[in-house]
């Protein structure tokens, strides 16, 4: 999986944290990833809801499907892209901090 670059709406600080999260996730043993998936999915949903609200959907996003730990980082990358594309730049630090927190929580 490749973290976006170039013309991506994801600013450099957020891209660094996203890359770190994806790399850490790829290193996890499957049983560890499975045990941490629910908490990461909750964060993915929060980001999806934030993007939906920024995009004019005040009720948030529909539920992000549980497609398993192999796809979870792809889902995270998509919602981070959406949040960065739709939200004001002042929220970039919040997104980076959320990604850092997720990475630390997975161990």
Foldseek 3Di string as FASTA:
>chain_A
DDQDDDPFLQDPLLSVLLVLLVVLLVPDDQVLLVVLVVVLQVVLQVLQQLLCVLVPNPVGDDRDDPPDSVCSSVSSSVSSSSNSVRDDPVCNVVSSVSSVVSSVVSD
